[in-house]
Amino acid sequence: MFFVVGLGLSDEKDITVRGLEAVKRSARVYLESYTSILMVQKEKLEAYYERELILADRDLVETDSDAILQDAARVDVSLLVVGDPFGATTHTDILLRARALNIPTRVIHNASIMNAVGACGLQLYNFGQTVSLPFFTDNWKPDSWYERIAENSKLGMHTLVLLDIKVKEQSEENLARGRKIYEPPRYMSVPVAVEQLLETESGRMNGMLSPHDTLAIALSRVGGGDEQRIVAGTLQELHDADERVFGEPLHSLVIVGKRLHHLEVEFAQVYAQSHDTWRDVARRVYGCSMD
């Protein structure tokens, strides 16, 4: 049996009972280590699960998945995934590969940012498409995500923006020369994300992401107890805020849609950089009745 086990959002104790049972019975246990990160080190997971974990990087999962699936038709093998197994298309691919090899599979779900984002006070059924925002470079500034936000905006829906992480990435030079030398990990922060949003908006000039009239909510380490941070405000306020207020990575960002409900405004107000500005923009731009 091939298990894909969600680990949840925070630490070693977020795994479900069913997930832990699968881990303990597996002959090999892999820890997927590039689509997201947990807030604890591999060694702490190993101590709690009482199993050795094999790190599974992008190359292993995406190009050498048969090594993970080896013998999974006759022994149990587990792939551990931060959040929920279906939070990344990579995990769908490896499940399809297992099915093609006639290996029985089982998915064990857990919490992910896709549902835990509700901690900011916005109602989950008011969210539209989720988008990923990659790091810009000097000669590569993709903006396909802008169209997805625009589609959500037309419907008044909120948009969850997942911010880029770079783990075990090679520089262009090392990639071209075939050298297995990797850059230090990088995690996009909220101010960087907002800077890229506003840069793209300045080129489009559609007014959809007006810095002073667009409300947004930043989240970091959701589910992490005292480490969790939620900060609300206009895009301009988030852009100008001290980066330290957003806490440690991973960061996410929500662009607030125009169907904003007054209960959402009231719930998120406690996280606002300025309560007065938050309420004023919600009333004046979003048409939210605050009476």
C-alpha atoms as a PDB file:
ATOM      1  CA  MET A   1       0.000   0.000   0.000  1.00  0.00           C
ATOM      2  CA  PHE A   2       1.209   3.483  -0.874  1.00  0.00           C
ATOM      3  CA  PHE A   3       0.083   6.081   1.670  1.00  0.00           C
ATOM      4  CA  VAL A   4       0.154   9.835   1.122  1.00  0.00           C
ATOM      5  CA  VAL A   5      -0.163  11.342   4.587  1.00  0.00           C
ATOM      6  CA  GLY A   6      -0.976  14.971   5.383  1.00  0.00           C
ATOM      7  CA  LEU A   7       1.024  16.370   8.292  1.00  0.00           C
ATOM      8  CA  GLY A   8      -1.018  19.502   8.945  1.00  0.00           C
ATOM      9  CA  LEU A   9       0.430  22.964   9.345  1.00  0.00           C
ATOM     10  CA  SER A  10       2.565  23.256  12.425  1.00  0.00           C
ATOM     11  CA  ASP A  11       4.604  20.547  14.130  1.00  0.00           C
ATOM     12  CA  GLU A  12       5.000  16.832  14.782  1.00  0.00           C
ATOM     13  CA  LYS A  13       1.774  16.620  16.805  1.00  0.00           C
ATOM     14  CA  ASP A  14      -0.479  17.743  13.934  1.00  0.00           C
ATOM     15  CA  ILE A  15      -0.454  14.333  12.258  1.00  0.00           C
ATOM     16  CA  THR A  16      -3.760  12.450  12.611  1.00  0.00           C
ATOM     17  CA  VAL A  17      -4.051   9.183  14.532  1.00  0.00           C
ATOM     18  CA  ARG A  18      -4.749   7.361  11.264  1.00  0.00           C
ATOM     19  CA  GLY A  19      -1.747   9.023   9.657  1.00  0.00           C
ATOM     20  CA  LEU A  20       0.558   8.058  12.525  1.00  0.00           C
ATOM     21  CA  GLU A  21      -0.641   4.455  12.320  1.00  0.00           C
ATOM     22  CA  ALA A  22       0.250   4.385   8.607  1.00  0.00           C
ATOM     23  CA  VAL A  23       3.699   5.805   9.322  1.00  0.00           C
ATOM     24  CA  LYS A  24       4.464   3.279  12.024  1.00  0.00           C
ATOM     25  CA  ARG A  25       3.511   0.311   9.826  1.00  0.00           C
ATOM     26  CA  SER A  26       5.442   1.480   6.745  1.00  0.00           C
ATOM     27  CA  ALA A  27       8.666  -0.141   5.607  1.00  0.00           C
ATOM     28  CA  ARG A  28       9.878   3.223   4.264  1.00  0.00           C
ATOM     29  CA  VAL A  29       8.739   6.734   5.090  1.00  0.00           C
ATOM     30  CA  TYR A  30       9.527   9.709   2.840  1.00  0.00           C
ATOM     31  CA  LEU A  31       9.200  13.367   3.827  1.00  0.00           C
ATOM     32  CA  GLU A  32       8.390  15.629   0.875  1.00  0.00           C
ATOM     33  CA  SER A  33      10.549  18.671   1.458  1.00  0.00           C
ATOM     34  CA  TYR A  34      10.010  21.277  -1.247  1.00  0.00           C
ATOM     35  CA  THR A  35       6.349  22.304  -1.765  1.00  0.00           C
ATOM     36  CA  SER A  36       6.049  23.554   1.817  1.00  0.00           C
ATOM     37  CA  ILE A  37       7.786  23.449   5.200  1.00  0.00           C
ATOM     38  CA  LEU A  38       6.834  22.511   8.744  1.00  0.00           C
ATOM     39  CA  MET A  39       7.876  24.572  11.753  1.00  0.00           C
ATOM     40  CA  VAL A  40      10.014  21.776  13.220  1.00  0.00           C
ATOM     41  CA  GLN A  41      13.107  19.936  12.062  1.00  0.00           C
ATOM     42  CA  LYS A  42      13.167  16.448  10.561  1.00  0.00           C
ATOM     43  CA  GLU A  43      14.822  15.029  13.675  1.00  0.00           C
ATOM     44  CA  LYS A  44      11.925  16.086  15.871  1.00  0.00           C
ATOM     45  CA  LEU A  45       9.483  14.361  13.532  1.00  0.00           C
ATOM     46  CA  GLU A  46      11.578  11.204  13.620  1.00  0.00           C
ATOM     47  CA  ALA A  47      11.648  11.181  17.415  1.00  0.00           C
ATOM     48  CA  TYR A  48       7.868  11.578  17.668  1.00  0.00           C
ATOM     49  CA  TYR A  49       7.000   9.122  14.882  1.00  0.00           C
ATOM     50  CA  GLU A  50       9.727   6.674  15.982  1.00  0.00           C
ATOM     51  CA  ARG A  51      10.682   6.187  12.353  1.00  0.00           C
ATOM     52  CA  GLU A  52      13.565   7.255  10.144  1.00  0.00           C
ATOM     53  CA  LEU A  53      12.463   9.732   7.464  1.00  0.00           C
ATOM     54  CA  ILE A  54      13.932   9.865   3.969  1.00  0.00           C
ATOM     55  CA  LEU A  55      13.977  13.389   2.539  1.00  0.00           C
ATOM     56  CA  ALA A  56      12.216  13.539  -0.835  1.00  0.00           C
ATOM     57  CA  ASP A  57      13.278  16.544  -2.895  1.00  0.00           C
ATOM     58  CA  ARG A  58      11.793  17.761  -6.177  1.00  0.00           C
ATOM     59  CA  ASP A  59      13.982  15.489  -8.318  1.00  0.00           C
ATOM     60  CA  LEU A  60      13.028  12.373  -6.390  1.00  0.00           C
ATOM     61  CA  VAL A  61       9.274  13.072  -6.298  1.00  0.00           C
ATOM     62  CA  GLU A  62       8.842  14.434  -9.814  1.00  0.00           C
ATOM     63  CA  THR A  63      11.415  12.580 -11.897  1.00  0.00           C
ATOM     64  CA  ASP A  64      12.311   9.459  -9.919  1.00  0.00           C
ATOM     65  CA  SER A  65       8.993   8.571  -8.273  1.00  0.00           C
ATOM     66  CA  ASP A  66       9.479   4.880  -9.108  1.00  0.00           C
ATOM     67  CA  ALA A  67      12.170   4.796  -6.429  1.00  0.00           C
ATOM     68  CA  ILE A  68       9.582   5.895  -3.860  1.00  0.00           C
ATOM     69  CA  LEU A  69       7.030   3.395  -5.155  1.00  0.00           C
ATOM     70  CA  GLN A  70       9.455   0.475  -5.269  1.00  0.00           C
ATOM     71  CA  ASP A  71       7.921  -2.629  -3.630  1.00  0.00           C
ATOM     72  CA  ALA A  72       4.854  -0.625  -2.522  1.00  0.00           C
ATOM     73  CA  ALA A  73       2.640  -3.362  -4.007  1.00  0.00           C
ATOM     74  CA  ARG A  74       3.810  -5.766  -1.298  1.00  0.00           C
ATOM     75  CA  VAL A  75       4.959  -3.536   1.598  1.00  0.00           C
ATOM     76  CA  ASP A  76       3.612  -0.285   3.011  1.00  0.00           C
ATOM     77  CA  VAL A  77       5.349   2.928   1.935  1.00  0.00           C
ATOM     78  CA  SER A  78       4.375   6.416   3.137  1.00  0.00           C
ATOM     79  CA  LEU A  79       4.980   9.852   1.634  1.00  0.00           C
ATOM     80  CA  LEU A  80       4.516  12.609   4.204  1.00  0.00           C
ATOM     81  CA  VAL A  81       3.250  15.946   2.931  1.00  0.00           C
ATOM     82  CA  VAL A  82       2.978  19.265   4.785  1.00  0.00           C
ATOM     83  CA  GLY A  83      -0.662  20.372   4.954  1.00  0.00           C
ATOM     84  CA  ASP A  84      -3.034  18.199   2.939  1.00  0.00           C
ATOM     85  CA  PRO A  85      -1.901  15.729   0.246  1.00  0.00           C
ATOM     86  CA  PHE A  86      -3.946  17.419  -2.466  1.00  0.00           C
ATOM     87  CA  GLY A  87      -2.520  20.863  -1.805  1.00  0.00           C
ATOM     88  CA  ALA A  88      -0.009  20.394  -4.661  1.00  0.00           C
ATOM     89  CA  THR A  89      -0.422  18.809  -8.097  1.00  0.00           C
ATOM     90  CA  THR A  90       2.846  16.924  -7.558  1.00  0.00           C
ATOM     91  CA  HIS A  91       1.089  14.554  -5.188  1.00  0.00           C
ATOM     92  CA  THR A  92      -1.690  13.894  -7.676  1.00  0.00           C
ATOM     93  CA  ASP A  93       0.973  12.912 -10.225  1.00  0.00           C
ATOM     94  CA  ILE A  94       2.613  10.349  -7.957  1.00  0.00           C
ATOM     95  CA  LEU A  95      -0.761   8.829  -7.059  1.00  0.00           C
ATOM     96  CA  LEU A  96      -1.554   8.453 -10.757  1.00  0.00           C
ATOM     97  CA  ARG A  97       1.827   6.788 -11.245  1.00  0.00           C
ATOM     98  CA  ALA A  98       1.073   4.357  -8.411  1.00  0.00           C
ATOM     99  CA  ARG A  99      -2.286   3.468  -9.932  1.00  0.00           C
ATOM    100  CA  ALA A 100      -0.642   2.876 -13.311  1.00  0.00           C
ATOM    101  CA  LEU A 101       1.644   0.363 -11.571  1.00  0.00           C
ATOM    102  CA  ASN A 102      -1.366  -1.316  -9.918  1.00  0.00           C
ATOM    103  CA  ILE A 103      -0.183  -0.256  -6.461  1.00  0.00           C
ATOM    104  CA  PRO A 104      -3.022   0.224  -3.962  1.00  0.00           C
ATOM    105  CA  THR A 105      -3.127   3.768  -2.591  1.00  0.00           C
ATOM    106  CA  ARG A 106      -4.644   5.565   0.352  1.00  0.00           C
ATOM    107  CA  VAL A 107      -4.735   9.293   1.108  1.00  0.00           C
ATOM    108  CA  ILE A 108      -4.915  10.501   4.712  1.00  0.00           C
ATOM    109  CA  HIS A 109      -6.051  14.120   4.873  1.00  0.00           C
ATOM    110  CA  ASN A 110      -5.144  16.923   7.236  1.00  0.00           C
ATOM    111  CA  ALA A 111      -5.517  20.681   7.674  1.00  0.00           C
ATOM    112  CA  SER A 112      -3.946  22.996   5.096  1.00  0.00           C
ATOM    113  CA  ILE A 113      -3.786  26.716   4.451  1.00  0.00           C
ATOM    114  CA  MET A 114      -6.673  26.191   2.013  1.00  0.00           C
ATOM    115  CA  ASN A 115      -9.090  25.820   4.917  1.00  0.00           C
ATOM    116  CA  ALA A 116      -7.106  27.262   7.834  1.00  0.00           C
ATOM    117  CA  VAL A 117      -7.105  30.641   6.051  1.00  0.00           C
ATOM    118  CA  GLY A 118     -10.521  31.059   7.669  1.00  0.00           C
ATOM    119  CA  ALA A 119      -8.617  32.034  10.827  1.00  0.00           C
ATOM    120  CA  CYS A 120      -8.395  35.575   9.432  1.00  0.00           C
ATOM    121  CA  GLY A 121     -12.168  35.954   9.694  1.00  0.00           C
ATOM    122  CA  LEU A 122     -13.108  35.732   6.023  1.00  0.00           C
ATOM    123  CA  GLN A 123     -15.722  33.105   5.211  1.00  0.00           C
ATOM    124  CA  LEU A 124     -14.417  30.167   3.196  1.00  0.00           C
ATOM    125  CA  TYR A 125     -17.374  30.031   0.805  1.00  0.00           C
ATOM    126  CA  ASN A 126     -16.540  33.596  -0.281  1.00  0.00           C
ATOM    127  CA  PHE A 127     -13.156  32.537  -1.705  1.00  0.00           C
ATOM    128  CA  GLY A 128     -12.545  32.098  -5.410  1.00  0.00           C
ATOM    129  CA  GLN A 129      -9.533  30.626  -7.195  1.00  0.00           C
ATOM    130  CA  THR A 130      -6.274  30.306  -5.282  1.00  0.00           C
ATOM    131  CA  VAL A 131      -3.173  31.672  -7.024  1.00  0.00           C
ATOM    132  CA  SER A 132       0.571  31.239  -6.566  1.00  0.00           C
ATOM    133  CA  LEU A 133       2.883  34.243  -6.765  1.00  0.00           C
ATOM    134  CA  PRO A 134       6.447  33.419  -7.900  1.00  0.00           C
ATOM    135  CA  PHE A 135       9.531  35.477  -7.198  1.00  0.00           C
ATOM    136  CA  PHE A 136      10.196  38.001  -9.949  1.00  0.00           C
ATOM    137  CA  THR A 137      13.637  38.214 -11.535  1.00  0.00           C
ATOM    138  CA  ASP A 138      15.164  40.933 -13.690  1.00  0.00           C
ATOM    139  CA  ASN A 139      14.056  39.179 -16.886  1.00  0.00           C
ATOM    140  CA  TRP A 140      11.134  37.030 -15.726  1.00  0.00           C
ATOM    141  CA  LYS A 141       8.001  38.602 -14.267  1.00  0.00           C
ATOM    142  CA  PRO A 142       5.072  36.248 -14.920  1.00  0.00           C
ATOM    143  CA  ASP A 143       1.616  37.729 -14.406  1.00  0.00           C
ATOM    144  CA  SER A 144      -0.882  34.990 -15.302  1.00  0.00           C
ATOM    145  CA  TRP A 145      -1.998  35.115 -11.662  1.00  0.00           C
ATOM    146  CA  TYR A 146      -3.349  38.643 -12.303  1.00  0.00           C
ATOM    147  CA  GLU A 147      -6.094  37.268 -14.564  1.00  0.00           C
ATOM    148  CA  ARG A 148      -7.175  34.795 -11.883  1.00  0.00           C
ATOM    149  CA  ILE A 149      -7.436  37.578  -9.303  1.00  0.00           C
ATOM    150  CA  ALA A 150      -9.385  39.655 -11.849  1.00  0.00           C
ATOM    151  CA  GLU A 151     -11.838  36.797 -12.388  1.00  0.00           C
ATOM    152  CA  ASN A 152     -12.344  36.496  -8.655  1.00  0.00           C
ATOM    153  CA  SER A 153     -12.683  40.254  -8.351  1.00  0.00           C
ATOM    154  CA  LYS A 154     -15.475  40.403 -10.918  1.00  0.00           C
ATOM    155  CA  LEU A 155     -17.429  37.938  -8.768  1.00  0.00           C
ATOM    156  CA  GLY A 156     -16.563  39.780  -5.558  1.00  0.00           C
ATOM    157  CA  MET A 157     -14.658  36.769  -4.248  1.00  0.00           C
ATOM    158  CA  HIS A 158     -11.612  36.744  -1.975  1.00  0.00           C
ATOM    159  CA  THR A 159      -8.320  35.456  -3.398  1.00  0.00           C
ATOM    160  CA  LEU A 160      -5.817  33.392  -1.428  1.00  0.00           C
ATOM    161  CA  VAL A 161      -2.323  34.140  -2.744  1.00  0.00           C
ATOM    162  CA  LEU A 162       0.310  31.512  -1.936  1.00  0.00           C
ATOM    163  CA  LEU A 163       3.763  33.070  -1.785  1.00  0.00           C
ATOM    164  CA  ASP A 164       6.753  31.469  -3.441  1.00  0.00           C
ATOM    165  CA  ILE A 165       9.363  29.356  -1.694  1.00  0.00           C
ATOM    166  CA  LYS A 166      12.706  28.385  -3.178  1.00  0.00           C
ATOM    167  CA  VAL A 167      14.181  25.204  -1.713  1.00  0.00           C
ATOM    168  CA  LYS A 168      17.126  23.381  -3.293  1.00  0.00           C
ATOM    169  CA  GLU A 169      17.084  25.663  -6.329  1.00  0.00           C
ATOM    170  CA  GLN A 170      20.027  26.090  -8.683  1.00  0.00           C
ATOM    171  CA  SER A 171      21.271  29.350 -10.144  1.00  0.00           C
ATOM    172  CA  GLU A 172      21.006  29.746 -13.918  1.00  0.00           C
ATOM    173  CA  GLU A 173      24.782  29.366 -14.220  1.00  0.00           C
ATOM    174  CA  ASN A 174      24.959  26.175 -12.160  1.00  0.00           C
ATOM    175  CA  LEU A 175      21.941  24.768 -13.977  1.00  0.00           C
ATOM    176  CA  ALA A 176      23.526  25.489 -17.364  1.00  0.00           C
ATOM    177  CA  ARG A 177      26.816  23.927 -16.303  1.00  0.00           C
ATOM    178  CA  GLY A 178      25.123  20.883 -14.780  1.00  0.00           C
ATOM    179  CA  ARG A 179      26.593  21.563 -11.348  1.00  0.00           C
ATOM    180  CA  LYS A 180      24.630  20.228  -8.369  1.00  0.00           C
ATOM    181  CA  ILE A 181      25.184  23.390  -6.340  1.00  0.00           C
ATOM    182  CA  TYR A 182      22.084  24.815  -4.677  1.00  0.00           C
ATOM    183  CA  GLU A 183      21.115  28.286  -3.541  1.00  0.00           C
ATOM    184  CA  PRO A 184      20.137  28.970   0.105  1.00  0.00           C
ATOM    185  CA  PRO A 185      16.383  28.569   0.769  1.00  0.00           C
ATOM    186  CA  ARG A 186      14.262  31.682   0.179  1.00  0.00           C
ATOM    187  CA  TYR A 187      10.728  32.384   1.338  1.00  0.00           C
ATOM    188  CA  MET A 188       8.706  35.250  -0.106  1.00  0.00           C
ATOM    189  CA  SER A 189       7.598  37.778   2.484  1.00  0.00           C
ATOM    190  CA  VAL A 190       4.376  39.776   2.425  1.00  0.00           C
ATOM    191  CA  PRO A 191       6.089  43.127   1.625  1.00  0.00           C
ATOM    192  CA  VAL A 192       7.864  41.532  -1.362  1.00  0.00           C
ATOM    193  CA  ALA A 193       4.594  40.004  -2.533  1.00  0.00           C
ATOM    194  CA  VAL A 194       2.736  43.312  -2.270  1.00  0.00           C
ATOM    195  CA  GLU A 195       5.569  45.089  -4.103  1.00  0.00           C
ATOM    196  CA  GLN A 196       5.189  42.615  -6.981  1.00  0.00           C
ATOM    197  CA  LEU A 197       1.396  42.975  -6.998  1.00  0.00           C
ATOM    198  CA  LEU A 198       1.632  46.742  -7.191  1.00  0.00           C
ATOM    199  CA  GLU A 199       4.359  46.600  -9.836  1.00  0.00           C
ATOM    200  CA  THR A 200       2.129  44.455 -12.030  1.00  0.00           C
ATOM    201  CA  GLU A 201      -0.869  46.697 -11.359  1.00  0.00           C
ATOM    202  CA  SER A 202       1.114  49.766 -12.402  1.00  0.00           C
ATOM    203  CA  GLY A 203       1.730  48.115 -15.766  1.00  0.00           C
ATOM    204  CA  ARG A 204      -1.858  46.990 -16.226  1.00  0.00           C
ATOM    205  CA  MET A 205      -3.408  50.220 -14.884  1.00  0.00           C
ATOM    206  CA  ASN A 206      -6.796  48.529 -14.347  1.00  0.00           C
ATOM    207  CA  GLY A 207      -7.257  49.880 -10.839  1.00  0.00           C
ATOM    208  CA  MET A 208      -8.079  46.412  -9.518  1.00  0.00           C
ATOM    209  CA  LEU A 209      -5.237  46.449  -6.980  1.00  0.00           C
ATOM    210  CA  SER A 210      -5.356  50.078  -5.953  1.00  0.00           C
ATOM    211  CA  PRO A 211      -2.847  50.365  -3.076  1.00  0.00           C
ATOM    212  CA  HIS A 212      -5.000  52.622  -0.888  1.00  0.00           C
ATOM    213  CA  ASP A 213      -8.416  51.140  -1.741  1.00  0.00           C
ATOM    214  CA  THR A 214      -7.714  47.386  -1.734  1.00  0.00           C
ATOM    215  CA  LEU A 215      -8.006  45.526   1.542  1.00  0.00           C
ATOM    216  CA  ALA A 216      -5.771  42.527   2.183  1.00  0.00           C
ATOM    217  CA  ILE A 217      -4.885  40.177   5.021  1.00  0.00           C
ATOM    218  CA  ALA A 218      -1.459  38.652   5.603  1.00  0.00           C
ATOM    219  CA  LEU A 219      -1.045  35.352   7.412  1.00  0.00           C
ATOM    220  CA  SER A 220       2.017  33.495   8.630  1.00  0.00           C
ATOM    221  CA  ARG A 221       2.579  30.237  10.496  1.00  0.00           C
ATOM    222  CA  VAL A 222      -1.145  29.549  10.594  1.00  0.00           C
ATOM    223  CA  GLY A 223      -1.880  26.857  13.146  1.00  0.00           C
ATOM    224  CA  GLY A 224       1.396  27.565  14.910  1.00  0.00           C
ATOM    225  CA  GLY A 225      -0.026  28.808  18.194  1.00  0.00           C
ATOM    226  CA  ASP A 226       1.980  31.735  19.547  1.00  0.00           C
ATOM    227  CA  GLU A 227       3.934  31.944  16.274  1.00  0.00           C
ATOM    228  CA  GLN A 228       0.817  32.597  14.181  1.00  0.00           C
ATOM    229  CA  ARG A 229       0.526  36.126  12.826  1.00  0.00           C
ATOM    230  CA  ILE A 230      -2.398  37.800  11.041  1.00  0.00           C
ATOM    231  CA  VAL A 231      -2.108  41.403   9.816  1.00  0.00           C
ATOM    232  CA  ALA A 232      -4.854  43.259   7.944  1.00  0.00           C
ATOM    233  CA  GLY A 233      -4.887  46.560   6.099  1.00  0.00           C
ATOM    234  CA  THR A 234      -4.765  48.174   2.700  1.00  0.00           C
ATOM    235  CA  LEU A 235      -2.115  46.959   0.290  1.00  0.00           C
ATOM    236  CA  GLN A 236      -0.229  50.177   0.928  1.00  0.00           C
ATOM    237  CA  GLU A 237      -0.287  49.638   4.693  1.00  0.00           C
ATOM    238  CA  LEU A 238       1.022  46.090   4.321  1.00  0.00           C
ATOM    239  CA  HIS A 239       3.677  47.289   1.885  1.00  0.00           C
ATOM    240  CA  ASP A 240       4.892  49.941   4.313  1.00  0.00           C
ATOM    241  CA  ALA A 241       4.730  47.835   7.497  1.00  0.00           C
ATOM    242  CA  ASP A 242       7.856  46.675   9.294  1.00  0.00           C
ATOM    243  CA  GLU A 243       8.567  43.194   7.959  1.00  0.00           C
ATOM    244  CA  ARG A 244       8.900  41.879  11.511  1.00  0.00           C
ATOM    245  CA  VAL A 245       5.159  42.275  12.193  1.00  0.00           C
ATOM    246  CA  PHE A 246       4.451  39.460   9.715  1.00  0.00           C
ATOM    247  CA  GLY A 247       6.427  36.868  11.671  1.00  0.00           C
ATOM    248  CA  GLU A 248       8.435  33.968  10.357  1.00  0.00           C
ATOM    249  CA  PRO A 249       7.676  32.169   7.057  1.00  0.00           C
ATOM    250  CA  LEU A 250       5.680  30.727   5.483  1.00  0.00           C
ATOM    251  CA  HIS A 251       3.591  33.773   4.514  1.00  0.00           C
ATOM    252  CA  SER A 252       0.290  33.908   2.636  1.00  0.00           C
ATOM    253  CA  LEU A 253      -1.837  36.837   1.506  1.00  0.00           C
ATOM    254  CA  VAL A 254      -5.559  37.305   0.920  1.00  0.00           C
ATOM    255  CA  ILE A 255      -6.898  39.921  -1.473  1.00  0.00           C
ATOM    256  CA  VAL A 256     -10.312  40.844  -0.085  1.00  0.00           C
ATOM    257  CA  GLY A 257     -13.229  40.656  -2.531  1.00  0.00           C
ATOM    258  CA  LYS A 258     -16.057  43.164  -2.865  1.00  0.00           C
ATOM    259  CA  ARG A 259     -18.681  40.754  -1.464  1.00  0.00           C
ATOM    260  CA  LEU A 260     -17.153  41.495   1.902  1.00  0.00           C
ATOM    261  CA  HIS A 261     -19.682  40.964   4.719  1.00  0.00           C
ATOM    262  CA  HIS A 262     -19.849  43.252   7.746  1.00  0.00           C
ATOM    263  CA  LEU A 263     -19.194  40.275  10.060  1.00  0.00           C
ATOM    264  CA  GLU A 264     -15.974  39.595   8.166  1.00  0.00           C
ATOM    265  CA  VAL A 265     -14.991  43.240   8.600  1.00  0.00           C
ATOM    266  CA  GLU A 266     -15.657  43.093  12.322  1.00  0.00           C
ATOM    267  CA  PHE A 267     -13.807  39.797  12.834  1.00  0.00           C
ATOM    268  CA  ALA A 268     -10.694  40.891  10.903  1.00  0.00           C
ATOM    269  CA  GLN A 269     -10.648  44.390  12.381  1.00  0.00           C
ATOM    270  CA  VAL A 270      -8.705  43.157  15.410  1.00  0.00           C
ATOM    271  CA  TYR A 271      -5.790  42.386  13.055  1.00  0.00           C
ATOM    272  CA  ALA A 272      -5.902  45.732  11.232  1.00  0.00           C
ATOM    273  CA  GLN A 273      -2.930  48.101  11.131  1.00  0.00           C
ATOM    274  CA  SER A 274      -5.467  50.919  11.518  1.00  0.00           C
ATOM    275  CA  HIS A 275      -8.986  50.130  12.702  1.00  0.00           C
ATOM    276  CA  ASP A 276     -10.293  53.412  11.319  1.00  0.00           C
ATOM    277  CA  THR A 277      -8.774  52.901   7.861  1.00  0.00           C
ATOM    278  CA  TRP A 278      -9.959  49.278   7.738  1.00  0.00           C
ATOM    279  CA  ARG A 279     -13.549  50.263   8.485  1.00  0.00           C
ATOM    280  CA  ASP A 280     -13.481  53.342   6.261  1.00  0.00           C
ATOM    281  CA  VAL A 281     -12.284  51.438   3.172  1.00  0.00           C
ATOM    282  CA  ALA A 282     -14.725  48.597   3.888  1.00  0.00           C
ATOM    283  CA  ARG A 283     -17.591  51.107   3.988  1.00  0.00           C
ATOM    284  CA  ARG A 284     -16.507  53.572   1.307  1.00  0.00           C
ATOM    285  CA  VAL A 285     -14.959  51.250  -1.320  1.00  0.00           C
ATOM    286  CA  TYR A 286     -16.538  47.881  -0.559  1.00  0.00           C
ATOM    287  CA  GLY A 287     -20.000  49.234   0.246  1.00  0.00           C
ATOM    288  CA  CYS A 288     -20.134  47.398   3.542  1.00  0.00           C
ATOM    289  CA  SER A 289     -22.789  48.625   5.956  1.00  0.00           C
ATOM    290  CA  MET A 290     -21.165  48.991   9.362  1.00  0.00           C
ATOM    291  CA  ASP A 291     -24.337  49.891  11.297  1.00  0.00           C
END
